[in-house]
Amino acid sequence: MHDAEDTFLKTLSRHEMIRPGDRVLAAVSGGGDSVLLLHLLVRHRSRCPFTLHVAHLNHALRGAESDADEEFVKALAARFTLPIACGRADLTRRPGEPSSLEERARIARREFLHESAAAASCNRIALGHTLDDQSETILMWLLRGAGRGGLSGMEPVTADGIIRPLITLRRRQVREYLGAAGEPYREDLSNEDPSRLRNRIRRRLIALLDAEFPGSVETIASAAALLAAEDACLDESARQLVRGTEGFLYAARAAAAPPALARRAIRLLAGARGLDPRALGRRHVEEILSLTDPAMEGRGVDLPEGFRAERRGGDIVFIRREQGGPSKR
């Protein structure tokens, strides 16, 4: 057994990612990581019976190359006789949406995968993120000034059914496995674009760490796992500032709480209401905190992704802007 497959199986077992009878949707872009993910999931079905579907979103950013990626994934799904859901993203920026094309693509991908999973009655969505992706993400958020949440990295398993079976695999192990097996995959040349921060981290910083500090990528990921465990404890405390399942923040409790806990509660509330917490900048969070002042009753703050936070009768609520009318600030 190749060491990549052994690591994959240990990760599945450690986090109980897939159980007999599960329905798993594999997100396959056509790149090496997602191709290996699909191969290993297909092989794993002989050990643990589960239903497997494939999903591919064509971002239509690279013209004929993007279409060729889609055809490649369709052929791969057909080879394994797996059902496939394909979609095409419209990344035109609309009012209230992020200015970053990458962020809009990420949001479109997330929505497509969850919609496809629901249509296929899948309770798991498998993504091909590797240990390199994990370390790149942590370093990227560190450079952007992220707090403990961002430095915790990506979770192996999330509450909404996302699983990352390759999260303990180095990217070079992926390429070694595919090369030894003679399995083709698609190369996305946009990953070479030096204007993207992640690409510069991948090509320069990670390469430097590997050369000068062997094992540092694994160390970064291990530190993130420790932070994630501590993060979960802090989240539990922060939830005491949120009222039930209605998604309201107690303004008085938030005002009396340590600011760090109140900020965490705001990000938890944002996520619960469908606003990606990562889209909230420091300024947004501080403006929301200002609404804990009783004098701010009826006032609000416009937020990314078409959301708005308002002070209403002792609570701070998150709403879609079209529900709340024009800004009152």
C-alpha atoms as a PDB file:
ATOM      1  CA  MET A   1       0.000   0.000   0.000  1.00  0.00           C
ATOM      2  CA  HIS A   2       1.344   3.428  -0.959  1.00  0.00           C
ATOM      3  CA  ASP A   3       2.037   5.712   2.019  1.00  0.00           C
ATOM      4  CA  ALA A   4      -0.447   8.259   0.618  1.00  0.00           C
ATOM      5  CA  GLU A   5      -3.262   5.715   0.829  1.00  0.00           C
ATOM      6  CA  ASP A   6      -2.169   4.648   4.308  1.00  0.00           C
ATOM      7  CA  THR A   7      -2.232   8.279   5.498  1.00  0.00           C
ATOM      8  CA  PHE A   8      -5.643   8.773   3.864  1.00  0.00           C
ATOM      9  CA  LEU A   9      -7.105   5.744   5.665  1.00  0.00           C
ATOM     10  CA  LYS A  10      -5.684   6.811   9.021  1.00  0.00           C
ATOM     11  CA  THR A  11      -7.182  10.287   8.609  1.00  0.00           C
ATOM     12  CA  LEU A  12     -10.595   8.835   7.715  1.00  0.00           C
ATOM     13  CA  SER A  13     -10.490   6.589  10.783  1.00  0.00           C
ATOM     14  CA  ARG A  14      -9.176   9.190  13.233  1.00  0.00           C
ATOM     15  CA  HIS A  15     -11.941  11.662  12.425  1.00  0.00           C
ATOM     16  CA  GLU A  16     -14.684   9.122  11.581  1.00  0.00           C
ATOM     17  CA  MET A  17     -15.180  10.928   8.289  1.00  0.00           C
ATOM     18  CA  ILE A  18     -17.171   8.236   6.477  1.00  0.00           C
ATOM     19  CA  ARG A  19     -19.416   5.590   7.988  1.00  0.00           C
ATOM     20  CA  PRO A  20     -21.216   2.690   6.294  1.00  0.00           C
ATOM     21  CA  GLY A  21     -24.301   3.954   4.504  1.00  0.00           C
ATOM     22  CA  ASP A  22     -23.078   7.531   4.142  1.00  0.00           C
ATOM     23  CA  ARG A  23     -23.653   9.387   0.886  1.00  0.00           C
ATOM     24  CA  VAL A  24     -20.538  11.292  -0.143  1.00  0.00           C
ATOM     25  CA  LEU A  25     -20.224  14.041  -2.745  1.00  0.00           C
ATOM     26  CA  ALA A  26     -16.624  14.409  -3.965  1.00  0.00           C
ATOM     27  CA  ALA A  27     -15.677  17.863  -5.272  1.00  0.00           C
ATOM     28  CA  VAL A  28     -13.427  17.233  -8.262  1.00  0.00           C
ATOM     29  CA  SER A  29     -11.788  20.094 -10.146  1.00  0.00           C
ATOM     30  CA  GLY A  30      -9.565  17.876 -12.274  1.00  0.00           C
ATOM     31  CA  GLY A  31      -6.383  18.927 -10.477  1.00  0.00           C
ATOM     32  CA  GLY A  32      -4.074  16.362  -8.900  1.00  0.00           C
ATOM     33  CA  ASP A  33      -5.402  16.698  -5.343  1.00  0.00           C
ATOM     34  CA  SER A  34      -9.057  16.164  -6.241  1.00  0.00           C
ATOM     35  CA  VAL A  35      -8.231  13.380  -8.709  1.00  0.00           C
ATOM     36  CA  LEU A  36      -6.362  11.494  -5.986  1.00  0.00           C
ATOM     37  CA  LEU A  37      -9.243  12.141  -3.589  1.00  0.00           C
ATOM     38  CA  LEU A  38     -11.679  10.492  -5.996  1.00  0.00           C
ATOM     39  CA  HIS A  39      -9.372   7.537  -6.651  1.00  0.00           C
ATOM     40  CA  LEU A  40      -8.907   6.845  -2.943  1.00  0.00           C
ATOM     41  CA  LEU A  41     -12.615   7.231  -2.189  1.00  0.00           C
ATOM     42  CA  VAL A  42     -13.435   4.716  -4.925  1.00  0.00           C
ATOM     43  CA  ARG A  43     -10.898   2.266  -3.476  1.00  0.00           C
ATOM     44  CA  HIS A  44     -12.233   2.807   0.057  1.00  0.00           C
ATOM     45  CA  ARG A  45     -15.726   1.643  -0.906  1.00  0.00           C
ATOM     46  CA  SER A  46     -14.447  -1.944  -0.828  1.00  0.00           C
ATOM     47  CA  ARG A  47     -13.728  -1.497   2.892  1.00  0.00           C
ATOM     48  CA  CYS A  48     -16.674   0.662   3.895  1.00  0.00           C
ATOM     49  CA  PRO A  49     -19.858   0.571   1.785  1.00  0.00           C
ATOM     50  CA  PHE A  50     -21.066   4.092   0.979  1.00  0.00           C
ATOM     51  CA  THR A  51     -22.591   5.919  -1.971  1.00  0.00           C
ATOM     52  CA  LEU A  52     -20.300   8.186  -3.978  1.00  0.00           C
ATOM     53  CA  HIS A  53     -21.226  11.100  -6.245  1.00  0.00           C
ATOM     54  CA  VAL A  54     -19.024  13.592  -8.108  1.00  0.00           C
ATOM     55  CA  ALA A  55     -19.483  17.357  -8.445  1.00  0.00           C
ATOM     56  CA  HIS A  56     -17.617  19.773 -10.719  1.00  0.00           C
ATOM     57  CA  LEU A  57     -18.116  23.541 -10.985  1.00  0.00           C
ATOM     58  CA  ASN A  58     -16.849  25.204 -14.142  1.00  0.00           C
ATOM     59  CA  HIS A  59     -15.736  28.706 -13.109  1.00  0.00           C
ATOM     60  CA  ALA A  60     -15.418  29.670 -16.787  1.00  0.00           C
ATOM     61  CA  LEU A  61     -12.360  31.801 -16.021  1.00  0.00           C
ATOM     62  CA  ARG A  62      -9.901  30.144 -18.419  1.00  0.00           C
ATOM     63  CA  GLY A  63     -12.020  29.727 -21.534  1.00  0.00           C
ATOM     64  CA  ALA A  64     -11.374  26.483 -23.369  1.00  0.00           C
ATOM     65  CA  GLU A  65      -9.123  25.250 -20.553  1.00  0.00           C
ATOM     66  CA  SER A  66     -12.010  25.432 -18.072  1.00  0.00           C
ATOM     67  CA  ASP A  67     -14.260  23.530 -20.479  1.00  0.00           C
ATOM     68  CA  ALA A  68     -11.533  20.908 -20.944  1.00  0.00           C
ATOM     69  CA  ASP A  69     -11.339  20.499 -17.151  1.00  0.00           C
ATOM     70  CA  GLU A  70     -15.068  19.802 -17.081  1.00  0.00           C
ATOM     71  CA  GLU A  71     -14.837  17.212 -19.861  1.00  0.00           C
ATOM     72  CA  PHE A  72     -11.914  15.538 -18.078  1.00  0.00           C
ATOM     73  CA  VAL A  73     -13.900  15.217 -14.837  1.00  0.00           C
ATOM     74  CA  LYS A  74     -16.955  13.921 -16.696  1.00  0.00           C
ATOM     75  CA  ALA A  75     -14.799  11.220 -18.305  1.00  0.00           C
ATOM     76  CA  LEU A  76     -13.297  10.337 -14.927  1.00  0.00           C
ATOM     77  CA  ALA A  77     -16.749   9.968 -13.358  1.00  0.00           C
ATOM     78  CA  ALA A  78     -17.872   7.822 -16.295  1.00  0.00           C
ATOM     79  CA  ARG A  79     -14.808   5.619 -15.907  1.00  0.00           C
ATOM     80  CA  PHE A  80     -15.842   4.850 -12.324  1.00  0.00           C
ATOM     81  CA  THR A  81     -19.557   4.753 -13.286  1.00  0.00           C
ATOM     82  CA  LEU A  82     -20.327   7.517 -10.807  1.00  0.00           C
ATOM     83  CA  PRO A  83     -23.161  10.049 -11.108  1.00  0.00           C
ATOM     84  CA  ILE A  84     -21.908  13.591 -11.613  1.00  0.00           C
ATOM     85  CA  ALA A  85     -23.358  17.071 -11.081  1.00  0.00           C
ATOM     86  CA  CYS A  86     -21.819  19.836 -13.204  1.00  0.00           C
ATOM     87  CA  GLY A  87     -22.446  23.540 -12.869  1.00  0.00           C
ATOM     88  CA  ARG A  88     -21.216  26.762 -14.408  1.00  0.00           C
ATOM     89  CA  ALA A  89     -20.448  29.759 -12.212  1.00  0.00           C
ATOM     90  CA  ASP A  90     -21.521  33.318 -12.950  1.00  0.00           C
ATOM     91  CA  LEU A  91     -18.910  35.393 -11.153  1.00  0.00           C
ATOM     92  CA  THR A  92     -20.223  38.776 -12.244  1.00  0.00           C
ATOM     93  CA  ARG A  93     -20.032  41.060  -9.237  1.00  0.00           C
ATOM     94  CA  ARG A  94     -23.370  42.200  -7.870  1.00  0.00           C
ATOM     95  CA  PRO A  95     -24.111  44.890  -5.254  1.00  0.00           C
ATOM     96  CA  GLY A  96     -23.020  43.792  -1.794  1.00  0.00           C
ATOM     97  CA  GLU A  97     -20.754  41.004  -3.062  1.00  0.00           C
ATOM     98  CA  PRO A  98     -16.998  40.844  -2.391  1.00  0.00           C
ATOM     99  CA  SER A  99     -14.723  42.740  -4.778  1.00  0.00           C
ATOM    100  CA  SER A 100     -12.280  39.813  -4.845  1.00  0.00           C
ATOM    101  CA  LEU A 101     -12.874  37.456  -7.771  1.00  0.00           C
ATOM    102  CA  GLU A 102     -11.310  34.618  -5.771  1.00  0.00           C
ATOM    103  CA  GLU A 103     -13.722  35.221  -2.896  1.00  0.00           C
ATOM    104  CA  ARG A 104     -16.741  35.267  -5.228  1.00  0.00           C
ATOM    105  CA  ALA A 105     -15.499  32.025  -6.803  1.00  0.00           C
ATOM    106  CA  ARG A 106     -15.139  30.443  -3.360  1.00  0.00           C
ATOM    107  CA  ILE A 107     -18.686  31.470  -2.387  1.00  0.00           C
ATOM    108  CA  ALA A 108     -20.095  30.181  -5.691  1.00  0.00           C
ATOM    109  CA  ARG A 109     -18.274  26.870  -5.205  1.00  0.00           C
ATOM    110  CA  ARG A 110     -19.549  26.484  -1.648  1.00  0.00           C
ATOM    111  CA  GLU A 111     -23.152  27.164  -2.684  1.00  0.00           C
ATOM    112  CA  PHE A 112     -22.929  24.809  -5.671  1.00  0.00           C
ATOM    113  CA  LEU A 113     -21.516  21.964  -3.576  1.00  0.00           C
ATOM    114  CA  HIS A 114     -24.160  22.288  -0.870  1.00  0.00           C
ATOM    115  CA  GLU A 115     -26.945  22.498  -3.456  1.00  0.00           C
ATOM    116  CA  SER A 116     -25.563  19.463  -5.299  1.00  0.00           C
ATOM    117  CA  ALA A 117     -25.208  17.519  -2.050  1.00  0.00           C
ATOM    118  CA  ALA A 118     -28.803  18.292  -1.107  1.00  0.00           C
ATOM    119  CA  ALA A 119     -30.061  17.257  -4.566  1.00  0.00           C
ATOM    120  CA  ALA A 120     -28.224  13.919  -4.280  1.00  0.00           C
ATOM    121  CA  SER A 121     -29.173  13.443  -0.600  1.00  0.00           C
ATOM    122  CA  CYS A 122     -25.468  13.387   0.339  1.00  0.00           C
ATOM    123  CA  ASN A 123     -24.572  13.958   3.987  1.00  0.00           C
ATOM    124  CA  ARG A 124     -20.840  14.402   3.328  1.00  0.00           C
ATOM    125  CA  ILE A 125     -18.943  16.702   0.948  1.00  0.00           C
ATOM    126  CA  ALA A 126     -15.343  15.593   0.402  1.00  0.00           C
ATOM    127  CA  LEU A 127     -12.755  18.246  -0.493  1.00  0.00           C
ATOM    128  CA  GLY A 128      -9.182  17.615  -1.642  1.00  0.00           C
ATOM    129  CA  HIS A 129      -7.326  20.039   0.625  1.00  0.00           C
ATOM    130  CA  THR A 130      -3.854  18.813   1.574  1.00  0.00           C
ATOM    131  CA  LEU A 131      -1.431  19.559   4.386  1.00  0.00           C
ATOM    132  CA  ASP A 132       0.228  22.109   2.097  1.00  0.00           C
ATOM    133  CA  ASP A 133      -3.136  23.839   1.593  1.00  0.00           C
ATOM    134  CA  GLN A 134      -3.594  23.887   5.360  1.00  0.00           C
ATOM    135  CA  SER A 135      -0.216  25.514   6.012  1.00  0.00           C
ATOM    136  CA  GLU A 136      -0.665  27.976   3.144  1.00  0.00           C
ATOM    137  CA  THR A 137      -4.042  29.001   4.530  1.00  0.00           C
ATOM    138  CA  ILE A 138      -2.656  29.526   8.034  1.00  0.00           C
ATOM    139  CA  LEU A 139       0.279  31.594   6.766  1.00  0.00           C
ATOM    140  CA  MET A 140      -2.002  33.633   4.521  1.00  0.00           C
ATOM    141  CA  TRP A 141      -4.314  34.502   7.405  1.00  0.00           C
ATOM    142  CA  LEU A 142      -1.342  35.227   9.662  1.00  0.00           C
ATOM    143  CA  LEU A 143      -0.044  37.753   7.128  1.00  0.00           C
ATOM    144  CA  ARG A 144      -3.500  39.314   6.958  1.00  0.00           C
ATOM    145  CA  GLY A 145      -3.597  39.771  10.720  1.00  0.00           C
ATOM    146  CA  ALA A 146      -6.080  37.019  11.564  1.00  0.00           C
ATOM    147  CA  GLY A 147      -6.877  36.028  15.117  1.00  0.00           C
ATOM    148  CA  ARG A 148      -6.999  32.607  16.722  1.00  0.00           C
ATOM    149  CA  GLY A 149      -9.902  31.479  14.503  1.00  0.00           C
ATOM    150  CA  GLY A 150      -8.050  32.095  11.254  1.00  0.00           C
ATOM    151  CA  LEU A 151      -4.859  30.557  12.619  1.00  0.00           C
ATOM    152  CA  SER A 152      -6.750  27.371  13.487  1.00  0.00           C
ATOM    153  CA  GLY A 153      -6.809  26.521   9.808  1.00  0.00           C
ATOM    154  CA  MET A 154      -9.329  24.296   8.055  1.00  0.00           C
ATOM    155  CA  GLU A 155     -11.216  21.694  10.060  1.00  0.00           C
ATOM    156  CA  PRO A 156     -10.883  18.034   9.006  1.00  0.00           C
ATOM    157  CA  VAL A 157     -14.649  17.668   9.577  1.00  0.00           C
ATOM    158  CA  THR A 158     -17.168  20.502   9.858  1.00  0.00           C
ATOM    159  CA  ALA A 159     -20.640  20.686  11.341  1.00  0.00           C
ATOM    160  CA  ASP A 160     -22.202  21.062   7.880  1.00  0.00           C
ATOM    161  CA  GLY A 161     -20.717  17.816   6.571  1.00  0.00           C
ATOM    162  CA  ILE A 162     -17.476  18.937   4.921  1.00  0.00           C
ATOM    163  CA  ILE A 163     -14.679  16.357   5.175  1.00  0.00           C
ATOM    164  CA  ARG A 164     -11.030  16.732   4.130  1.00  0.00           C
ATOM    165  CA  PRO A 165      -9.536  13.219   3.836  1.00  0.00           C
ATOM    166  CA  LEU A 166      -6.214  14.479   2.379  1.00  0.00           C
ATOM    167  CA  ILE A 167      -5.593  17.103   5.066  1.00  0.00           C
ATOM    168  CA  THR A 168      -2.567  15.217   6.469  1.00  0.00           C
ATOM    169  CA  LEU A 169      -1.006  14.489   3.048  1.00  0.00           C
ATOM    170  CA  ARG A 170       1.778  16.594   1.549  1.00  0.00           C
ATOM    171  CA  ARG A 171       1.203  17.711  -2.016  1.00  0.00           C
ATOM    172  CA  ARG A 172       4.346  15.917  -3.138  1.00  0.00           C
ATOM    173  CA  GLN A 173       2.857  12.630  -1.859  1.00  0.00           C
ATOM    174  CA  VAL A 174      -0.169  13.267  -4.059  1.00  0.00           C
ATOM    175  CA  ARG A 175       2.003  13.778  -7.137  1.00  0.00           C
ATOM    176  CA  GLU A 176       4.130  10.722  -6.292  1.00  0.00           C
ATOM    177  CA  TYR A 177       1.046   8.497  -6.013  1.00  0.00           C
ATOM    178  CA  LEU A 178      -0.485   9.728  -9.270  1.00  0.00           C
ATOM    179  CA  GLY A 179       2.854   9.440 -11.066  1.00  0.00           C
ATOM    180  CA  ALA A 180       3.426   5.875  -9.864  1.00  0.00           C
ATOM    181  CA  ALA A 181      -0.118   4.911 -10.849  1.00  0.00           C
ATOM    182  CA  GLY A 182       0.149   6.633 -14.237  1.00  0.00           C
ATOM    183  CA  GLU A 183      -2.995   8.639 -13.497  1.00  0.00           C
ATOM    184  CA  PRO A 184      -3.423  11.882 -15.472  1.00  0.00           C
ATOM    185  CA  TYR A 185      -4.749  15.133 -14.011  1.00  0.00           C
ATOM    186  CA  ARG A 186      -5.224  18.716 -15.136  1.00  0.00           C
ATOM    187  CA  GLU A 187      -2.845  21.577 -14.357  1.00  0.00           C
ATOM    188  CA  ASP A 188      -4.403  24.968 -13.539  1.00  0.00           C
ATOM    189  CA  LEU A 189      -1.905  27.561 -14.786  1.00  0.00           C
ATOM    190  CA  SER A 190      -3.569  30.236 -12.650  1.00  0.00           C
ATOM    191  CA  ASN A 191      -1.813  28.557  -9.713  1.00  0.00           C
ATOM    192  CA  GLU A 192       1.399  30.046 -11.125  1.00  0.00           C
ATOM    193  CA  ASP A 193       0.048  33.621 -11.092  1.00  0.00           C
ATOM    194  CA  PRO A 194       2.381  35.588  -8.762  1.00  0.00           C
ATOM    195  CA  SER A 195      -0.217  38.312  -8.231  1.00  0.00           C
ATOM    196  CA  ARG A 196      -2.142  35.955  -5.925  1.00  0.00           C
ATOM    197  CA  LEU A 197      -0.975  35.897  -2.333  1.00  0.00           C
ATOM    198  CA  ARG A 198      -1.580  32.160  -1.920  1.00  0.00           C
ATOM    199  CA  ASN A 199       0.561  31.408  -4.968  1.00  0.00           C
ATOM    200  CA  ARG A 200       3.444  33.495  -3.633  1.00  0.00           C
ATOM    201  CA  ILE A 201       3.189  31.719  -0.280  1.00  0.00           C
ATOM    202  CA  ARG A 202       3.127  28.339  -2.044  1.00  0.00           C
ATOM    203  CA  ARG A 203       5.954  28.967  -4.494  1.00  0.00           C
ATOM    204  CA  ARG A 204       8.264  31.018  -2.309  1.00  0.00           C
ATOM    205  CA  LEU A 205       7.509  30.784   1.410  1.00  0.00           C
ATOM    206  CA  ILE A 206       6.570  27.093   1.639  1.00  0.00           C
ATOM    207  CA  ALA A 207       9.499  26.193  -0.604  1.00  0.00           C
ATOM    208  CA  LEU A 208      11.835  28.182   1.662  1.00  0.00           C
ATOM    209  CA  LEU A 209      10.459  26.546   4.808  1.00  0.00           C
ATOM    210  CA  ASP A 210      10.860  23.081   3.304  1.00  0.00           C
ATOM    211  CA  ALA A 211      14.454  23.846   2.344  1.00  0.00           C
ATOM    212  CA  GLU A 212      15.595  25.663   5.493  1.00  0.00           C
ATOM    213  CA  PHE A 213      13.354  24.139   8.171  1.00  0.00           C
ATOM    214  CA  PRO A 214      12.412  20.547   7.268  1.00  0.00           C
ATOM    215  CA  GLY A 215       9.186  19.469   8.954  1.00  0.00           C
ATOM    216  CA  SER A 216       8.017  23.055   9.518  1.00  0.00           C
ATOM    217  CA  VAL A 217       4.912  22.621   7.342  1.00  0.00           C
ATOM    218  CA  GLU A 218       3.820  19.709   9.527  1.00  0.00           C
ATOM    219  CA  THR A 219       4.640  21.759  12.656  1.00  0.00           C
ATOM    220  CA  ILE A 220       2.477  24.660  11.468  1.00  0.00           C
ATOM    221  CA  ALA A 221      -0.448  22.290  10.919  1.00  0.00           C
ATOM    222  CA  SER A 222       0.055  20.683  14.357  1.00  0.00           C
ATOM    223  CA  ALA A 223       0.038  24.081  16.045  1.00  0.00           C
ATOM    224  CA  ALA A 224      -3.176  24.933  14.192  1.00  0.00           C
ATOM    225  CA  ALA A 225      -4.815  21.750  15.518  1.00  0.00           C
ATOM    226  CA  LEU A 226      -4.007  22.813  19.094  1.00  0.00           C
ATOM    227  CA  LEU A 227      -5.430  26.273  18.450  1.00  0.00           C
ATOM    228  CA  ALA A 228      -8.559  24.716  16.956  1.00  0.00           C
ATOM    229  CA  ALA A 229      -9.195  22.712  20.144  1.00  0.00           C
ATOM    230  CA  GLU A 230      -8.807  25.835  22.287  1.00  0.00           C
ATOM    231  CA  ASP A 231     -10.945  27.730  19.797  1.00  0.00           C
ATOM    232  CA  ALA A 232     -13.812  25.293  20.330  1.00  0.00           C
ATOM    233  CA  CYS A 233     -13.771  25.992  24.076  1.00  0.00           C
ATOM    234  CA  LEU A 234     -13.864  29.742  23.500  1.00  0.00           C
ATOM    235  CA  ASP A 235     -16.725  29.319  21.031  1.00  0.00           C
ATOM    236  CA  GLU A 236     -18.758  27.571  23.713  1.00  0.00           C
ATOM    237  CA  SER A 237     -18.325  30.588  26.014  1.00  0.00           C
ATOM    238  CA  ALA A 238     -19.126  33.020  23.209  1.00  0.00           C
ATOM    239  CA  ARG A 239     -22.405  31.222  22.470  1.00  0.00           C
ATOM    240  CA  GLN A 240     -23.695  32.385  25.840  1.00  0.00           C
ATOM    241  CA  LEU A 241     -23.961  35.861  24.290  1.00  0.00           C
ATOM    242  CA  VAL A 242     -26.232  34.610  21.504  1.00  0.00           C
ATOM    243  CA  ARG A 243     -29.939  34.133  22.151  1.00  0.00           C
ATOM    244  CA  GLY A 244     -31.108  30.587  21.453  1.00  0.00           C
ATOM    245  CA  THR A 245     -31.355  29.437  17.856  1.00  0.00           C
ATOM    246  CA  GLU A 246     -32.902  32.716  16.703  1.00  0.00           C
ATOM    247  CA  GLY A 247     -29.550  34.257  15.853  1.00  0.00           C
ATOM    248  CA  PHE A 248     -29.769  37.372  18.050  1.00  0.00           C
ATOM    249  CA  LEU A 249     -26.865  38.817  20.001  1.00  0.00           C
ATOM    250  CA  TYR A 250     -27.724  40.011  23.517  1.00  0.00           C
ATOM    251  CA  ALA A 251     -26.496  43.622  23.343  1.00  0.00           C
ATOM    252  CA  ALA A 252     -26.210  44.051  27.133  1.00  0.00           C
ATOM    253  CA  ARG A 253     -24.325  40.777  27.604  1.00  0.00           C
ATOM    254  CA  ALA A 254     -21.987  41.586  24.710  1.00  0.00           C
ATOM    255  CA  ALA A 255     -21.293  45.044  26.172  1.00  0.00           C
ATOM    256  CA  ALA A 256     -20.444  43.534  29.570  1.00  0.00           C
ATOM    257  CA  ALA A 257     -18.354  40.659  28.181  1.00  0.00           C
ATOM    258  CA  PRO A 258     -14.625  40.861  27.473  1.00  0.00           C
ATOM    259  CA  PRO A 259     -14.304  42.448  24.006  1.00  0.00           C
ATOM    260  CA  ALA A 260     -12.474  39.386  22.672  1.00  0.00           C
ATOM    261  CA  LEU A 261     -15.433  37.167  23.592  1.00  0.00           C
ATOM    262  CA  ALA A 262     -17.946  39.636  22.135  1.00  0.00           C
ATOM    263  CA  ARG A 263     -16.007  39.732  18.855  1.00  0.00           C
ATOM    264  CA  ARG A 264     -16.050  35.943  18.731  1.00  0.00           C
ATOM    265  CA  ALA A 265     -19.807  35.902  19.359  1.00  0.00           C
ATOM    266  CA  ILE A 266     -20.307  38.311  16.452  1.00  0.00           C
ATOM    267  CA  ARG A 267     -18.422  36.020  14.083  1.00  0.00           C
ATOM    268  CA  LEU A 268     -20.358  32.988  15.326  1.00  0.00           C
ATOM    269  CA  LEU A 269     -23.631  34.829  14.777  1.00  0.00           C
ATOM    270  CA  ALA A 270     -22.555  35.877  11.297  1.00  0.00           C
ATOM    271  CA  GLY A 271     -21.828  32.278  10.360  1.00  0.00           C
ATOM    272  CA  ALA A 272     -25.147  31.101  11.769  1.00  0.00           C
ATOM    273  CA  ARG A 273     -26.991  33.639   9.639  1.00  0.00           C
ATOM    274  CA  GLY A 274     -25.208  32.666   6.417  1.00  0.00           C
ATOM    275  CA  LEU A 275     -22.572  35.406   6.307  1.00  0.00           C
ATOM    276  CA  ASP A 276     -19.056  34.028   5.963  1.00  0.00           C
ATOM    277  CA  PRO A 277     -17.215  35.245   9.118  1.00  0.00           C
ATOM    278  CA  ARG A 278     -14.034  35.600   7.066  1.00  0.00           C
ATOM    279  CA  ALA A 279     -15.729  38.352   5.062  1.00  0.00           C
ATOM    280  CA  LEU A 280     -15.989  40.481   8.215  1.00  0.00           C
ATOM    281  CA  GLY A 281     -13.022  42.773   8.575  1.00  0.00           C
ATOM    282  CA  ARG A 282     -11.850  44.230  11.869  1.00  0.00           C
ATOM    283  CA  ARG A 283     -13.673  47.484  11.099  1.00  0.00           C
ATOM    284  CA  HIS A 284     -16.974  45.649  10.564  1.00  0.00           C
ATOM    285  CA  VAL A 285     -16.681  43.838  13.893  1.00  0.00           C
ATOM    286  CA  GLU A 286     -15.856  47.035  15.793  1.00  0.00           C
ATOM    287  CA  GLU A 287     -18.807  48.825  14.189  1.00  0.00           C
ATOM    288  CA  ILE A 288     -21.108  45.979  15.226  1.00  0.00           C
ATOM    289  CA  LEU A 289     -19.731  46.200  18.753  1.00  0.00           C
ATOM    290  CA  SER A 290     -20.643  49.903  18.799  1.00  0.00           C
ATOM    291  CA  LEU A 291     -24.290  48.839  18.451  1.00  0.00           C
ATOM    292  CA  THR A 292     -24.185  47.438  22.003  1.00  0.00           C
ATOM    293  CA  ASP A 293     -24.547  51.057  23.213  1.00  0.00           C
ATOM    294  CA  PRO A 294     -28.253  51.611  24.116  1.00  0.00           C
ATOM    295  CA  ALA A 295     -28.073  54.953  22.316  1.00  0.00           C
ATOM    296  CA  MET A 296     -27.657  53.033  19.052  1.00  0.00           C
ATOM    297  CA  GLU A 297     -31.216  51.638  19.160  1.00  0.00           C
ATOM    298  CA  GLY A 298     -32.572  51.490  15.613  1.00  0.00           C
ATOM    299  CA  ARG A 299     -29.179  52.102  14.024  1.00  0.00           C
ATOM    300  CA  GLY A 300     -27.295  49.644  11.853  1.00  0.00           C
ATOM    301  CA  VAL A 301     -24.135  48.718  10.005  1.00  0.00           C
ATOM    302  CA  ASP A 302     -23.901  47.547   6.393  1.00  0.00           C
ATOM    303  CA  LEU A 303     -21.822  44.378   6.013  1.00  0.00           C
ATOM    304  CA  PRO A 304     -20.338  42.318   3.150  1.00  0.00           C
ATOM    305  CA  GLU A 305     -22.308  39.770   1.119  1.00  0.00           C
ATOM    306  CA  GLY A 306     -25.489  41.869   1.255  1.00  0.00           C
ATOM    307  CA  PHE A 307     -25.956  41.701   5.040  1.00  0.00           C
ATOM    308  CA  ARG A 308     -26.686  44.329   7.661  1.00  0.00           C
ATOM    309  CA  ALA A 309     -26.476  44.312  11.482  1.00  0.00           C
ATOM    310  CA  GLU A 310     -29.085  46.331  13.388  1.00  0.00           C
ATOM    311  CA  ARG A 311     -29.833  47.172  17.020  1.00  0.00           C
ATOM    312  CA  ARG A 312     -33.432  46.192  17.744  1.00  0.00           C
ATOM    313  CA  GLY A 313     -34.965  46.210  21.208  1.00  0.00           C
ATOM    314  CA  GLY A 314     -31.930  45.135  23.156  1.00  0.00           C
ATOM    315  CA  ASP A 315     -30.679  42.691  20.508  1.00  0.00           C
ATOM    316  CA  ILE A 316     -28.308  42.935  17.590  1.00  0.00           C
ATOM    317  CA  VAL A 317     -29.687  41.094  14.573  1.00  0.00           C
ATOM    318  CA  PHE A 318     -28.186  40.144  11.212  1.00  0.00           C
ATOM    319  CA  ILE A 319     -30.487  40.591   8.214  1.00  0.00           C
ATOM    320  CA  ARG A 320     -30.276  40.774   4.461  1.00  0.00           C
ATOM    321  CA  ARG A 321     -30.148  44.428   3.427  1.00  0.00           C
ATOM    322  CA  GLU A 322     -33.186  44.116   1.199  1.00  0.00           C
ATOM    323  CA  GLN A 323     -35.136  43.005   4.296  1.00  0.00           C
ATOM    324  CA  GLY A 324     -34.066  45.950   6.350  1.00  0.00           C
ATOM    325  CA  GLY A 325     -34.387  48.768   3.838  1.00  0.00           C
ATOM    326  CA  PRO A 326     -31.803  51.477   3.229  1.00  0.00           C
ATOM    327  CA  SER A 327     -28.950  52.180   5.602  1.00  0.00           C
ATOM    328  CA  LYS A 328     -29.813  54.446   8.533  1.00  0.00           C
ATOM    329  CA  ARG A 329     -26.242  55.407   9.258  1.00  0.00           C
END
